Amino acid sequence: MVRPLIGELFAMSKFKVGDRVRILPGTAIPFVGVEGTIYGVQPHDGGITTMDRHIVVFERREKRSFYSRELEHIEKVK
């Protein structure tokens, strides 16, 4: 039996298409605090979900790619 080296290996991405997200402080400096919607998910070739790229589309239709650690879910208002 092969065991993953990292707990998140081969797990599902934490974000899915349509999720509302906010960009967290860190390396994505010009986008910090900006909200957008997940447009697509590009899984990491090695199956490491923390390395998945998430394509976020913003209000002006601009698209950028972020790692999951750079994003936070925005709770849906009921």
N, C-alpha and C. Protein backbone atom coordinates (compact mmCIF):
# COMPACT_ATOMS: atom_id res chain seq x y z
N MET A 1 0.83 -1.17 0.00
CA MET A 1 0.00 0.00 0.00
C MET A 1 0.89 1.25 0.00
N VAL A 2 0.55 2.21 -0.87
CA VAL A 2 1.29 3.46 -0.95
C VAL A 2 0.59 4.50 -0.08
N ARG A 3 1.33 5.13 0.77
CA ARG A 3 0.76 6.16 1.65
C ARG A 3 1.22 7.54 1.19
N PRO A 4 0.31 8.50 1.16
CA PRO A 4 0.71 9.85 0.78
C PRO A 4 1.65 10.47 1.80
N LEU A 5 2.57 11.30 1.32
CA LEU A 5 3.50 11.98 2.21
C LEU A 5 2.87 13.21 2.85
N ILE A 6 1.88 13.76 2.19
CA ILE A 6 1.22 14.95 2.68
C ILE A 6 -0.24 14.63 2.87
N GLY A 7 -0.82 15.07 3.97
CA GLY A 7 -2.21 14.75 4.29
C GLY A 7 -3.21 15.16 3.23
N GLU A 8 -2.92 16.22 2.47
CA GLU A 8 -3.87 16.68 1.48
C GLU A 8 -3.66 16.06 0.11
N LEU A 9 -2.70 15.19 -0.04
CA LEU A 9 -2.42 14.56 -1.31
C LEU A 9 -3.62 13.77 -1.79
N PHE A 10 -4.02 14.01 -3.01
CA PHE A 10 -5.13 13.31 -3.68
C PHE A 10 -6.50 13.61 -3.08
N ALA A 11 -6.59 14.62 -2.23
CA ALA A 11 -7.91 15.03 -1.72
C ALA A 11 -8.55 15.97 -2.73
N MET A 12 -9.83 16.24 -2.55
CA MET A 12 -10.51 17.15 -3.45
C MET A 12 -10.09 18.58 -3.14
N SER A 13 -10.16 19.43 -4.16
CA SER A 13 -9.85 20.84 -3.97
C SER A 13 -10.83 21.44 -2.97
N LYS A 14 -10.34 22.39 -2.20
CA LYS A 14 -11.14 23.03 -1.18
C LYS A 14 -12.15 24.02 -1.78
N PHE A 15 -11.90 24.48 -3.00
CA PHE A 15 -12.80 25.40 -3.69
C PHE A 15 -13.32 24.75 -4.96
N LYS A 16 -14.54 25.13 -5.35
CA LYS A 16 -15.09 24.60 -6.59
C LYS A 16 -15.66 25.74 -7.43
N VAL A 17 -15.86 25.49 -8.70
CA VAL A 17 -16.37 26.49 -9.62
C VAL A 17 -17.67 27.06 -9.07
N GLY A 18 -17.77 28.39 -9.08
CA GLY A 18 -18.96 29.07 -8.58
C GLY A 18 -18.83 29.59 -7.16
N ASP A 19 -17.84 29.11 -6.40
CA ASP A 19 -17.64 29.59 -5.03
C ASP A 19 -17.22 31.06 -5.05
N ARG A 20 -17.77 31.83 -4.11
CA ARG A 20 -17.36 33.22 -3.91
C ARG A 20 -16.17 33.23 -2.97
N VAL A 21 -15.13 34.00 -3.32
CA VAL A 21 -13.91 34.05 -2.53
C VAL A 21 -13.41 35.48 -2.36
N ARG A 22 -12.57 35.65 -1.35
CA ARG A 22 -11.87 36.92 -1.11
C ARG A 22 -10.38 36.61 -1.13
N ILE A 23 -9.59 37.51 -1.71
CA ILE A 23 -8.15 37.31 -1.78
C ILE A 23 -7.53 37.74 -0.45
N LEU A 24 -6.73 36.85 0.13
CA LEU A 24 -6.10 37.08 1.43
C LEU A 24 -4.78 37.85 1.27
N PRO A 25 -4.33 38.52 2.34
CA PRO A 25 -3.02 39.19 2.30
C PRO A 25 -1.91 38.17 2.07
N GLY A 26 -0.88 38.60 1.40
CA GLY A 26 0.24 37.71 1.11
C GLY A 26 0.91 38.13 -0.18
N THR A 27 1.10 37.18 -1.05
CA THR A 27 1.82 37.45 -2.29
C THR A 27 0.97 38.12 -3.38
N ALA A 28 -0.33 38.08 -3.26
CA ALA A 28 -1.23 38.65 -4.27
C ALA A 28 -1.56 40.10 -3.93
N ILE A 29 -0.54 40.90 -3.68
CA ILE A 29 -0.69 42.25 -3.13
C ILE A 29 -1.73 43.13 -3.84
N PRO A 30 -1.73 43.27 -5.15
CA PRO A 30 -2.72 44.20 -5.73
C PRO A 30 -4.16 43.72 -5.60
N PHE A 31 -4.37 42.47 -5.24
CA PHE A 31 -5.72 41.91 -5.17
C PHE A 31 -6.22 41.68 -3.75
N VAL A 32 -5.43 42.03 -2.74
CA VAL A 32 -5.81 41.77 -1.34
C VAL A 32 -7.17 42.41 -1.02
N GLY A 33 -8.07 41.58 -0.49
CA GLY A 33 -9.40 42.05 -0.09
C GLY A 33 -10.41 42.07 -1.21
N VAL A 34 -9.97 41.84 -2.44
CA VAL A 34 -10.88 41.85 -3.58
C VAL A 34 -11.68 40.55 -3.60
N GLU A 35 -12.95 40.64 -3.95
CA GLU A 35 -13.81 39.46 -4.02
C GLU A 35 -14.01 39.05 -5.47
N GLY A 36 -14.18 37.74 -5.66
CA GLY A 36 -14.42 37.21 -6.99
C GLY A 36 -15.09 35.86 -6.90
N THR A 37 -15.19 35.22 -8.05
CA THR A 37 -15.84 33.91 -8.15
C THR A 37 -14.88 32.92 -8.79
N ILE A 38 -14.82 31.71 -8.24
CA ILE A 38 -13.98 30.66 -8.84
C ILE A 38 -14.54 30.33 -10.22
N TYR A 39 -13.70 30.47 -11.23
CA TYR A 39 -14.07 30.25 -12.63
C TYR A 39 -13.59 28.87 -13.10
N GLY A 40 -12.48 28.42 -12.49
CA GLY A 40 -11.93 27.13 -12.87
C GLY A 40 -10.88 26.68 -11.86
N VAL A 41 -10.61 25.39 -11.84
CA VAL A 41 -9.59 24.82 -10.96
C VAL A 41 -8.64 23.98 -11.80
N GLN A 42 -7.33 24.25 -11.67
CA GLN A 42 -6.31 23.49 -12.37
C GLN A 42 -5.57 22.63 -11.35
N PRO A 43 -5.91 21.34 -11.29
CA PRO A 43 -5.26 20.47 -10.30
C PRO A 43 -3.76 20.38 -10.53
N HIS A 44 -3.02 20.21 -9.46
CA HIS A 44 -1.57 20.02 -9.51
C HIS A 44 -1.28 18.68 -10.16
N ASP A 45 -0.28 18.62 -11.03
CA ASP A 45 0.06 17.38 -11.73
C ASP A 45 0.39 16.23 -10.79
N GLY A 46 0.96 16.56 -9.62
CA GLY A 46 1.33 15.52 -8.66
C GLY A 46 0.23 15.19 -7.67
N GLY A 47 -0.93 15.86 -7.79
CA GLY A 47 -2.06 15.57 -6.91
C GLY A 47 -2.02 16.27 -5.56
N ILE A 48 -1.14 17.26 -5.41
CA ILE A 48 -1.04 17.99 -4.14
C ILE A 48 -2.03 19.16 -4.19
N THR A 49 -3.12 19.05 -3.42
CA THR A 49 -4.20 20.04 -3.54
C THR A 49 -3.79 21.44 -3.10
N THR A 50 -2.82 21.57 -2.21
CA THR A 50 -2.38 22.90 -1.81
C THR A 50 -1.66 23.61 -2.96
N MET A 51 -1.31 22.86 -3.98
CA MET A 51 -0.65 23.44 -5.16
C MET A 51 -1.61 23.60 -6.34
N ASP A 52 -2.89 23.28 -6.14
CA ASP A 52 -3.88 23.52 -7.19
C ASP A 52 -3.95 25.01 -7.47
N ARG A 53 -4.18 25.35 -8.72
CA ARG A 53 -4.37 26.75 -9.09
C ARG A 53 -5.86 27.00 -9.27
N HIS A 54 -6.35 28.11 -8.74
CA HIS A 54 -7.77 28.47 -8.82
C HIS A 54 -7.89 29.73 -9.65
N ILE A 55 -8.62 29.65 -10.75
CA ILE A 55 -8.84 30.80 -11.61
C ILE A 55 -10.03 31.57 -11.04
N VAL A 56 -9.78 32.84 -10.69
CA VAL A 56 -10.81 33.69 -10.10
C VAL A 56 -11.16 34.77 -11.11
N VAL A 57 -12.46 34.96 -11.33
CA VAL A 57 -12.92 36.05 -12.20
C VAL A 57 -13.47 37.15 -11.30
N PHE A 58 -13.07 38.38 -11.61
CA PHE A 58 -13.48 39.54 -10.83
C PHE A 58 -14.60 40.29 -11.54
N GLU A 59 -15.14 41.28 -10.86
CA GLU A 59 -16.29 42.04 -11.35
C GLU A 59 -16.09 42.58 -12.77
N ARG A 60 -14.90 43.01 -13.10
CA ARG A 60 -14.63 43.57 -14.44
C ARG A 60 -14.25 42.50 -15.47
N ARG A 61 -14.55 41.25 -15.17
CA ARG A 61 -14.26 40.11 -16.05
C ARG A 61 -12.77 39.76 -16.15
N GLU A 62 -11.95 40.38 -15.29
CA GLU A 62 -10.53 40.07 -15.26
C GLU A 62 -10.36 38.73 -14.55
N LYS A 63 -9.45 37.89 -15.07
CA LYS A 63 -9.19 36.57 -14.47
C LYS A 63 -7.74 36.49 -14.01
N ARG A 64 -7.57 35.91 -12.83
CA ARG A 64 -6.24 35.68 -12.27
C ARG A 64 -6.22 34.33 -11.57
N SER A 65 -5.02 33.78 -11.41
CA SER A 65 -4.83 32.47 -10.82
C SER A 65 -4.22 32.60 -9.42
N PHE A 66 -4.76 31.82 -8.46
CA PHE A 66 -4.28 31.86 -7.07
C PHE A 66 -4.21 30.44 -6.50
N TYR A 67 -3.33 30.27 -5.51
CA TYR A 67 -3.30 29.02 -4.74
C TYR A 67 -4.39 29.09 -3.67
N SER A 68 -4.82 27.94 -3.17
CA SER A 68 -5.90 27.91 -2.17
C SER A 68 -5.54 28.69 -0.91
N ARG A 69 -4.27 28.72 -0.52
CA ARG A 69 -3.88 29.44 0.69
C ARG A 69 -4.02 30.96 0.53
N GLU A 70 -4.21 31.44 -0.70
CA GLU A 70 -4.38 32.87 -0.96
C GLU A 70 -5.86 33.28 -0.98
N LEU A 71 -6.75 32.30 -0.77
CA LEU A 71 -8.19 32.54 -0.89
C LEU A 71 -8.94 32.18 0.39
N GLU A 72 -10.07 32.85 0.61
CA GLU A 72 -10.98 32.43 1.68
C GLU A 72 -12.39 32.44 1.12
N HIS A 73 -13.20 31.49 1.58
CA HIS A 73 -14.60 31.43 1.17
C HIS A 73 -15.36 32.65 1.70
N ILE A 74 -16.30 33.12 0.91
CA ILE A 74 -17.23 34.13 1.37
C ILE A 74 -18.54 33.40 1.58
N GLU A 75 -19.05 33.47 2.79
CA GLU A 75 -20.30 32.78 3.10
C GLU A 75 -21.46 33.38 2.31
N LYS A 76 -22.30 32.51 1.80
CA LYS A 76 -23.48 32.95 1.05
C LYS A 76 -24.48 33.57 2.02
N VAL A 77 -25.03 34.70 1.64
CA VAL A 77 -26.05 35.37 2.45
C VAL A 77 -27.38 34.70 2.17
N LYS A 78 -28.10 34.32 3.25
CA LYS A 78 -29.37 33.63 3.07
C LYS A 78 -30.52 34.57 3.22
